[in-house]
Amino acid sequence: MPKPVTFIRHGGAFQMRIADAEDLERVLDLDEAVWVATSAPKAVFGCDPMFLSLVDADGNGRINSDEVKGAVSWLLDRLVDRSVIGEDLETLPLAAMRSETAVGQALVASARYIINSLSAESTDAISLQQVQSFKAGVQGRSLNGDGVLVPAAAEDADLAEFIRDVLGCTGGVEDTSGRKGIAAAHVDGFLTAAQAYLDWEARGELPPDGRATDVMPLGCETAAAWAAYRACEDAVEAFFAQCELLRFEPGAAGRIQQWQAGVESLGEQDAAAIRTLLRSGPVARPSAEGMLPLSGDEINPAHRPSVEALKQKVLKPVLGEVPSKLSADRWAEVRRFLAPYEAYVQAKAGGEVEALGAEKLQRYLAGDFAQRARALIEADREVAGVLDGARQVEKLLLYCRNAMRLVNNF
């Protein structure tokens, strides 16, 4: 015969008194009309903060009657001996756990794992302190169940270097202890970038004799020529565009040469301001003739070094000569000549791993570095399962100790 329900008067209201597990079970069917409250902020309850956070299923900072019932149901479903429920619980006997279900068996297995890991004297009961000590120990390890592999977890110096390089190229992510490491996605992204970079670099390789190719039309001098071309490209393009404008609209000369008005306002001794103004000016004075003079005196002093490099590294090998003046047509010829290399440069892939160098990237791709890193990440995932089991045991202990206090405060 079930025992009678006890109510205690608080002011003008009656509150059901929860004294044991039998009373706790009745809460599940209790009409909410007789509850003192059906929702309250977590802060008003004098219970373990971690316990309250677990009960607060939606994380809104309040605990409602449905969450209380959910916590009670979760607790009762996991115990075969409910007499252990109470604030005075120090250790939970493993025999009190419901072991005939898969969930219960997992709880018991996790509790035994923790006890054995700690080499505890008692092997038939577990305490909250033991569980939390175990968790702290695991989370402080290099393989701590967070799926993030830090260099310190490597089995040797070579693998540690691989992890550091992947981390440096991908940015990685912080593990639970705040250390930077890599996840499986970072390894995959690194390998993809490494292969892409090597494939791109291979397209620009020269034959042993160094002769020109479609991509490298000036052979081993192509990169230097491209750099010289790019240093002048914008200024030269602007010059020819201004010349076109002058041919179409001669009156535009005043607007094009507005920068020269600044010369009149400069002090003759203000060298820095003079150089700044020159750098902002055209490579040479544009004219309707549309020819770019290449002699030193007619070139803007700020552009002379780059134009000289253009003459020697680009115009001479591409055009076969350095003309005294450069036409728009011959400039277009230069542009077409370098177009294959320009396309190659723009198609560059895997730039984030370039600093490591082709030799190291090839070694990483050919070796077992990625395989070993993934194996450690998988081992870390197994630790995650252990930690999850520990959290479930911790939750059970917290619920056993705090459930009655919570319900009696509702």
Protein backbone atom coordinates (compact mmCIF):
# COMPACT_ATOMS: atom_id res chain seq x y z
CA MET A 1 0.00 0.00 0.00
CA PRO A 2 1.53 3.34 -1.01
CA LYS A 3 2.25 5.74 1.79
CA PRO A 4 0.15 8.88 2.08
CA VAL A 5 1.30 12.11 0.46
CA THR A 6 2.51 14.74 2.94
CA PHE A 7 1.88 18.45 2.36
CA ILE A 8 3.48 21.26 4.35
CA ARG A 9 1.86 24.66 4.69
CA HIS A 10 4.04 27.61 3.59
CA GLY A 11 2.19 30.87 4.16
CA GLY A 12 -1.06 30.57 2.29
CA ALA A 13 0.02 27.63 0.15
CA PHE A 14 0.58 23.92 0.64
CA GLN A 15 3.69 22.21 -0.72
CA MET A 16 4.18 18.50 -1.17
CA ARG A 17 6.98 17.19 1.04
CA ILE A 18 9.50 15.01 -0.81
CA ALA A 19 11.22 12.71 1.67
CA ASP A 20 12.27 9.70 -0.42
CA ALA A 21 12.35 8.17 -3.88
CA GLU A 22 8.69 7.12 -3.64
CA ASP A 23 7.70 10.74 -3.11
CA LEU A 24 10.03 11.79 -5.90
CA GLU A 25 8.30 9.45 -8.33
CA ARG A 26 4.91 10.94 -7.48
CA VAL A 27 6.14 14.31 -8.71
CA LEU A 28 5.86 12.97 -12.24
CA ASP A 29 2.05 12.75 -11.91
CA LEU A 30 1.53 15.73 -9.61
CA ASP A 31 -0.99 18.28 -10.87
CA GLU A 32 0.88 21.51 -11.51
CA ALA A 33 -1.96 23.39 -9.87
CA VAL A 34 -0.55 22.35 -6.48
CA TRP A 35 3.03 23.35 -7.34
CA VAL A 36 4.27 26.45 -5.53
CA ALA A 37 5.82 27.59 -8.83
CA THR A 38 6.15 26.15 -12.32
CA SER A 39 9.24 28.16 -13.29
CA ALA A 40 12.01 30.01 -11.47
CA PRO A 41 15.52 31.38 -12.14
CA LYS A 42 18.38 28.98 -11.46
CA ALA A 43 19.92 31.41 -8.99
CA VAL A 44 17.11 30.97 -6.42
CA PHE A 45 17.85 27.30 -5.83
CA GLY A 46 20.45 26.30 -3.26
CA CYS A 47 21.82 23.46 -5.32
CA ASP A 48 25.08 22.57 -7.05
CA PRO A 49 25.51 24.97 -10.02
CA MET A 50 26.56 22.17 -12.36
CA PHE A 51 23.48 20.17 -11.40
CA LEU A 52 21.24 23.16 -12.13
CA SER A 53 22.88 23.68 -15.51
CA LEU A 54 22.18 20.05 -16.39
CA VAL A 55 18.53 20.36 -15.38
CA ASP A 56 18.17 23.62 -17.34
CA ALA A 57 17.81 21.70 -20.60
CA ASP A 58 17.10 24.70 -22.82
CA GLY A 59 19.85 26.80 -21.24
CA ASN A 60 17.63 29.84 -20.70
CA GLY A 61 18.71 30.36 -17.09
CA ARG A 62 15.35 29.22 -15.69
CA ILE A 63 14.10 25.84 -14.54
CA ASN A 64 10.50 24.94 -15.24
CA SER A 65 8.27 22.10 -14.08
CA ASP A 66 8.80 20.07 -17.26
CA GLU A 67 12.57 20.22 -16.75
CA VAL A 68 12.16 19.13 -13.13
CA LYS A 69 10.03 16.17 -14.20
CA GLY A 70 12.56 15.34 -16.92
CA ALA A 71 15.39 15.32 -14.37
CA VAL A 72 13.41 13.12 -11.95
CA SER A 73 12.50 10.69 -14.72
CA TRP A 74 16.12 10.54 -15.95
CA LEU A 75 17.35 9.76 -12.41
CA LEU A 76 14.77 7.11 -11.58
CA ASP A 77 15.25 5.32 -14.90
CA ARG A 78 18.94 4.75 -14.09
CA LEU A 79 18.64 3.35 -10.59
CA VAL A 80 17.57 -0.06 -9.40
CA ASP A 81 18.16 0.89 -5.77
CA ARG A 82 16.54 4.29 -5.27
CA SER A 83 17.33 4.44 -1.58
CA VAL A 84 20.69 6.02 -2.48
CA ILE A 85 18.95 9.25 -3.48
CA GLY A 86 19.67 11.99 -0.97
CA GLU A 87 21.91 14.90 -0.05
CA ASP A 88 24.04 12.77 2.24
CA LEU A 89 25.22 10.52 -0.60
CA GLU A 90 29.02 10.18 -0.50
CA THR A 91 29.59 7.21 -2.78
CA LEU A 92 27.22 5.53 -5.19
CA PRO A 93 27.31 1.71 -5.15
CA LEU A 94 27.64 0.33 -8.65
CA ALA A 95 25.02 -2.23 -7.73
CA ALA A 96 22.50 0.60 -7.37
CA MET A 97 22.69 1.35 -11.10
CA ARG A 98 20.17 -0.28 -13.41
CA SER A 99 22.41 -2.67 -15.33
CA GLU A 100 19.86 -4.60 -17.39
CA THR A 101 19.56 -1.80 -19.97
CA ALA A 102 22.16 -0.67 -22.50
CA VAL A 103 22.26 2.77 -20.88
CA GLY A 104 22.75 1.28 -17.44
CA GLN A 105 25.44 -1.09 -18.64
CA ALA A 106 27.32 1.85 -20.16
CA LEU A 107 27.08 3.74 -16.85
CA VAL A 108 28.45 0.81 -14.87
CA ALA A 109 31.24 0.28 -17.44
CA SER A 110 32.21 3.96 -17.27
CA ALA A 111 32.22 3.90 -13.46
CA ARG A 112 34.45 0.80 -13.42
CA TYR A 113 36.80 2.40 -15.96
CA ILE A 114 37.18 5.46 -13.74
CA ILE A 115 37.73 3.38 -10.60
CA ASN A 116 40.38 1.26 -12.31
CA SER A 117 42.10 4.30 -13.81
CA LEU A 118 42.40 5.86 -10.38
CA SER A 119 43.51 2.58 -8.78
CA ALA A 120 40.85 3.21 -6.12
CA GLU A 121 40.80 0.96 -3.05
CA SER A 122 37.05 0.42 -3.27
CA THR A 123 35.94 -1.06 -6.56
CA ASP A 124 32.22 -1.42 -5.85
CA ALA A 125 31.28 2.26 -5.36
CA ILE A 126 32.23 5.62 -6.88
CA SER A 127 32.23 9.20 -5.59
CA LEU A 128 31.68 12.55 -7.27
CA GLN A 129 35.20 13.58 -6.28
CA GLN A 130 36.65 10.54 -8.06
CA VAL A 131 34.74 11.29 -11.26
CA GLN A 132 35.75 14.95 -11.30
CA SER A 133 39.38 14.09 -10.54
CA PHE A 134 39.37 11.62 -13.43
CA LYS A 135 37.87 14.21 -15.81
CA ALA A 136 40.42 16.83 -14.82
CA GLY A 137 43.24 14.38 -15.41
CA VAL A 138 41.99 13.36 -18.85
CA GLN A 139 41.32 16.93 -19.96
CA GLY A 140 44.87 17.88 -19.02
CA ARG A 141 46.35 15.25 -21.35
CA SER A 142 47.42 15.88 -24.94
CA LEU A 143 44.74 13.41 -26.06
CA ASN A 144 41.84 14.78 -24.09
CA GLY A 145 38.79 13.90 -26.15
CA ASP A 146 38.22 17.23 -27.85
CA GLY A 147 39.17 16.08 -31.36
CA VAL A 148 42.06 18.57 -31.52
CA LEU A 149 45.59 17.25 -32.00
CA VAL A 150 48.37 19.36 -30.45
CA PRO A 151 52.07 18.94 -31.32
CA ALA A 152 52.79 17.62 -27.81
CA ALA A 153 50.66 14.56 -28.59
CA ALA A 154 53.00 13.45 -31.39
CA GLU A 155 54.91 10.21 -30.97
CA ASP A 156 58.13 11.63 -32.44
CA ALA A 157 59.76 14.87 -33.56
CA ASP A 158 58.92 14.40 -37.25
CA LEU A 159 55.21 14.01 -36.59
CA ALA A 160 55.28 16.96 -34.19
CA GLU A 161 56.84 19.06 -36.97
CA PHE A 162 54.10 17.94 -39.37
CA ILE A 163 51.41 18.96 -36.89
CA ARG A 164 53.09 22.34 -36.35
CA ASP A 165 53.32 22.92 -40.10
CA VAL A 166 49.66 22.03 -40.64
CA LEU A 167 48.79 24.32 -37.75
CA GLY A 168 50.88 27.17 -39.17
CA CYS A 169 49.35 26.85 -42.64
CA THR A 170 45.71 26.35 -41.63
CA GLY A 171 45.42 28.35 -38.42
CA GLY A 172 44.16 25.33 -36.49
CA VAL A 173 41.84 25.62 -33.52
CA GLU A 174 42.14 25.76 -29.74
CA ASP A 175 41.63 22.60 -27.71
CA THR A 176 39.77 22.54 -24.40
CA SER A 177 42.91 23.54 -22.52
CA GLY A 178 43.50 26.59 -24.72
CA ARG A 179 46.38 25.09 -26.70
CA LYS A 180 46.41 25.41 -30.49
CA GLY A 181 46.10 22.23 -32.49
CA ILE A 182 44.57 20.69 -35.61
CA ALA A 183 41.48 18.64 -36.37
CA ALA A 184 40.95 16.11 -39.16
CA ALA A 185 39.58 18.83 -41.44
CA HIS A 186 42.84 20.77 -41.10
CA VAL A 187 44.87 17.73 -42.15
CA ASP A 188 42.61 17.20 -45.18
CA GLY A 189 42.77 20.86 -46.15
CA PHE A 190 46.55 20.92 -45.80
CA LEU A 191 47.03 17.88 -48.03
CA THR A 192 44.68 19.30 -50.65
CA ALA A 193 46.54 22.61 -50.65
CA ALA A 194 49.94 20.87 -50.79
CA GLN A 195 48.96 18.80 -53.82
CA ALA A 196 47.39 21.81 -55.53
CA TYR A 197 50.53 23.86 -54.99
CA LEU A 198 52.84 21.14 -56.29
CA ASP A 199 50.64 20.63 -59.36
CA TRP A 200 50.68 24.37 -60.02
CA GLU A 201 54.43 24.62 -59.56
CA ALA A 202 54.97 21.68 -61.92
CA ARG A 203 53.25 23.60 -64.72
CA GLY A 204 55.97 26.25 -64.45
CA GLU A 205 58.93 23.88 -64.39
CA LEU A 206 61.58 24.34 -67.05
CA PRO A 207 63.30 21.55 -68.98
CA PRO A 208 66.87 20.66 -67.90
CA ASP A 209 68.38 22.91 -70.55
CA GLY A 210 66.37 25.89 -69.30
CA ARG A 211 64.77 26.64 -72.66
CA ALA A 212 61.50 28.54 -72.89
CA THR A 213 58.11 26.87 -72.60
CA ASP A 214 54.57 28.04 -73.29
CA VAL A 215 54.16 29.04 -69.66
CA MET A 216 57.71 30.37 -69.26
CA PRO A 217 58.30 32.19 -72.58
CA LEU A 218 61.62 33.66 -71.39
CA GLY A 219 62.81 30.50 -69.69
CA CYS A 220 64.43 31.06 -66.32
CA GLU A 221 64.22 34.85 -66.83
CA THR A 222 60.42 34.85 -67.08
CA ALA A 223 59.69 35.51 -63.42
CA ALA A 224 62.08 38.46 -63.29
CA ALA A 225 60.61 39.87 -66.51
CA TRP A 226 57.11 39.51 -65.11
CA ALA A 227 58.08 41.35 -61.94
CA ALA A 228 59.56 44.22 -63.99
CA TYR A 229 56.48 44.31 -66.20
CA ARG A 230 54.09 44.41 -63.24
CA ALA A 231 56.08 47.20 -61.61
CA CYS A 232 55.36 49.45 -64.64
CA GLU A 233 52.08 48.05 -65.92
CA ASP A 234 49.64 50.44 -64.24
CA ALA A 235 51.70 53.54 -65.02
CA VAL A 236 52.22 52.57 -68.67
CA GLU A 237 48.55 51.62 -69.16
CA ALA A 238 47.52 54.96 -67.67
CA PHE A 239 49.94 56.79 -70.00
CA PHE A 240 48.50 55.22 -73.16
CA ALA A 241 44.93 55.78 -71.93
CA GLN A 242 45.70 59.48 -71.38
CA CYS A 243 47.20 59.70 -74.85
CA GLU A 244 44.01 58.24 -76.32
CA LEU A 245 41.98 60.81 -74.44
CA LEU A 246 44.12 63.63 -75.80
CA ARG A 247 43.69 62.41 -79.36
CA PHE A 248 39.93 62.33 -78.89
CA GLU A 249 39.65 65.48 -76.79
CA PRO A 250 42.66 67.81 -76.96
CA GLY A 251 41.05 70.04 -74.37
CA ALA A 252 41.56 67.35 -71.77
CA ALA A 253 45.26 68.20 -71.50
CA GLY A 254 44.62 70.66 -68.71
CA ARG A 255 42.77 68.13 -66.60
CA ILE A 256 45.38 65.43 -67.19
CA GLN A 257 48.19 67.72 -66.10
CA GLN A 258 46.44 69.06 -63.02
CA TRP A 259 48.97 67.26 -60.82
CA GLN A 260 51.62 69.67 -62.14
CA ALA A 261 49.83 72.57 -60.48
CA GLY A 262 51.10 71.19 -57.21
CA VAL A 263 54.67 71.92 -58.30
CA GLU A 264 54.08 75.66 -58.05
CA SER A 265 53.03 75.39 -54.42
CA LEU A 266 56.05 73.35 -53.36
CA GLY A 267 58.98 74.82 -51.55
CA GLU A 268 62.23 74.21 -53.39
CA GLN A 269 63.76 72.71 -50.25
CA ASP A 270 60.87 70.33 -49.48
CA ALA A 271 62.46 67.18 -50.94
CA ALA A 272 59.97 64.76 -49.39
CA ALA A 273 56.97 66.64 -50.80
CA ILE A 274 58.61 66.87 -54.23
CA ARG A 275 59.23 63.12 -54.34
CA THR A 276 55.68 62.42 -53.19
CA LEU A 277 54.32 64.60 -55.99
CA LEU A 278 56.54 62.92 -58.58
CA ARG A 279 55.33 59.48 -57.48
CA SER A 280 51.75 60.62 -58.04
CA GLY A 281 52.53 61.90 -61.55
CA PRO A 282 52.47 60.05 -64.90
CA VAL A 283 55.39 57.96 -66.11
CA ALA A 284 55.96 60.59 -68.82
CA ARG A 285 54.08 63.57 -70.25
CA PRO A 286 51.19 62.15 -72.31
CA SER A 287 50.64 63.53 -75.84
CA ALA A 288 48.37 62.96 -78.80
CA GLU A 289 51.34 61.26 -80.52
CA GLY A 290 50.84 58.32 -78.13
CA MET A 291 54.49 57.32 -77.89
CA LEU A 292 56.12 56.59 -74.54
CA PRO A 293 59.66 58.03 -74.48
CA LEU A 294 62.16 55.68 -72.93
CA SER A 295 65.14 57.98 -72.50
CA GLY A 296 66.02 59.06 -68.99
CA ASP A 297 65.39 62.78 -69.32
CA GLU A 298 61.83 62.35 -70.56
CA ILE A 299 60.83 59.82 -67.89
CA ASN A 300 59.42 60.94 -64.56
CA PRO A 301 62.37 60.56 -62.12
CA ALA A 302 60.18 58.58 -59.72
CA HIS A 303 59.59 55.97 -62.46
CA ARG A 304 63.07 55.80 -63.97
CA PRO A 305 64.33 52.76 -62.00
CA SER A 306 61.29 50.67 -62.91
CA VAL A 307 61.33 51.81 -66.54
CA GLU A 308 65.04 50.94 -66.80
CA ALA A 309 64.27 47.43 -65.48
CA LEU A 310 61.41 47.17 -67.98
CA LYS A 311 63.74 48.06 -70.84
CA GLN A 312 66.41 45.51 -69.94
CA LYS A 313 64.31 42.63 -68.57
CA VAL A 314 61.22 42.88 -70.76
CA LEU A 315 61.46 45.05 -73.86
CA LYS A 316 64.89 43.87 -74.98
CA PRO A 317 64.20 40.10 -74.76
CA VAL A 318 60.58 40.32 -75.93
CA LEU A 319 60.90 42.90 -78.74
CA GLY A 320 64.52 42.10 -79.58
CA GLU A 321 65.51 45.72 -78.98
CA VAL A 322 64.94 48.68 -76.72
CA PRO A 323 63.20 51.28 -78.89
CA SER A 324 63.68 54.97 -78.20
CA LYS A 325 59.92 55.27 -77.88
CA LEU A 326 57.29 52.65 -77.15
CA SER A 327 53.99 52.60 -79.01
CA ALA A 328 50.71 51.23 -77.70
CA ASP A 329 50.87 48.45 -80.30
CA ARG A 330 54.30 47.29 -79.19
CA TRP A 331 53.19 47.49 -75.55
CA ALA A 332 50.24 45.26 -76.47
CA GLU A 333 52.74 42.87 -78.08
CA VAL A 334 54.60 42.67 -74.78
CA ARG A 335 51.36 42.07 -72.95
CA ARG A 336 50.38 39.21 -75.28
CA PHE A 337 53.83 37.67 -74.98
CA LEU A 338 53.58 37.52 -71.18
CA ALA A 339 49.89 36.52 -71.10
CA PRO A 340 50.54 32.76 -70.64
CA TYR A 341 52.72 33.46 -67.62
CA GLU A 342 50.15 35.91 -66.29
CA ALA A 343 47.46 33.22 -66.53
CA TYR A 344 49.80 30.82 -64.76
CA VAL A 345 50.41 33.28 -61.92
CA GLN A 346 46.71 34.02 -61.53
CA ALA A 347 45.93 30.30 -61.38
CA LYS A 348 48.27 29.81 -58.43
CA ALA A 349 46.84 27.35 -55.90
CA GLY A 350 47.90 26.27 -52.44
CA GLY A 351 49.64 29.52 -51.62
CA GLU A 352 49.06 28.96 -47.92
CA VAL A 353 51.59 26.10 -47.93
CA GLU A 354 54.15 27.65 -50.30
CA ALA A 355 56.49 28.77 -47.53
CA LEU A 356 57.19 25.13 -46.59
CA GLY A 357 58.84 24.50 -49.94
CA ALA A 358 58.20 21.82 -52.53
CA GLU A 359 60.66 19.33 -51.04
CA LYS A 360 58.99 19.25 -47.64
CA LEU A 361 55.51 19.15 -49.16
CA GLN A 362 56.47 16.18 -51.32
CA ARG A 363 57.87 14.41 -48.25
CA TYR A 364 54.64 14.99 -46.34
CA LEU A 365 52.50 13.72 -49.20
CA ALA A 366 54.65 10.65 -49.83
CA GLY A 367 55.07 9.73 -46.16
CA ASP A 368 52.67 8.42 -43.51
CA PHE A 369 52.44 11.69 -41.59
CA ALA A 370 48.78 12.32 -42.35
CA GLN A 371 47.86 8.70 -41.60
CA ARG A 372 49.57 8.85 -38.22
CA ALA A 373 48.00 12.19 -37.38
CA ARG A 374 44.55 10.85 -38.23
CA ALA A 375 45.20 7.80 -36.06
CA LEU A 376 45.95 10.07 -33.10
CA ILE A 377 42.83 12.11 -33.81
CA GLU A 378 40.82 8.88 -33.84
CA ALA A 379 42.42 7.86 -30.55
CA ASP A 380 41.40 11.27 -29.22
CA ARG A 381 37.82 10.55 -30.29
CA GLU A 382 37.91 7.35 -28.26
CA VAL A 383 38.92 9.45 -25.27
CA ALA A 384 35.87 11.60 -26.03
CA GLY A 385 33.72 8.52 -25.54
CA VAL A 386 35.39 7.84 -22.21
CA LEU A 387 34.82 11.43 -21.12
CA ASP A 388 31.20 11.33 -22.19
CA GLY A 389 30.73 8.22 -20.07
CA ALA A 390 32.38 10.00 -17.14
CA ARG A 391 30.02 12.94 -17.59
CA GLN A 392 27.05 10.60 -17.43
CA VAL A 393 28.31 9.07 -14.17
CA GLU A 394 28.92 12.59 -12.84
CA LYS A 395 25.39 13.57 -13.82
CA LEU A 396 23.94 10.57 -12.01
CA LEU A 397 25.84 11.42 -8.83
CA LEU A 398 24.77 15.06 -9.01
CA TYR A 399 21.14 14.11 -9.57
CA CYS A 400 21.23 11.64 -6.66
CA ARG A 401 22.51 14.32 -4.29
CA ASN A 402 20.48 17.31 -5.48
CA ALA A 403 17.16 16.10 -6.92
CA MET A 404 15.22 16.13 -3.63
CA ARG A 405 16.50 19.56 -2.62
CA LEU A 406 15.47 20.97 -6.02
CA VAL A 407 11.99 19.45 -5.96
CA ASN A 408 11.37 20.57 -2.36
CA ASN A 409 12.17 24.11 -3.43
CA PHE A 410 9.56 24.09 -6.19
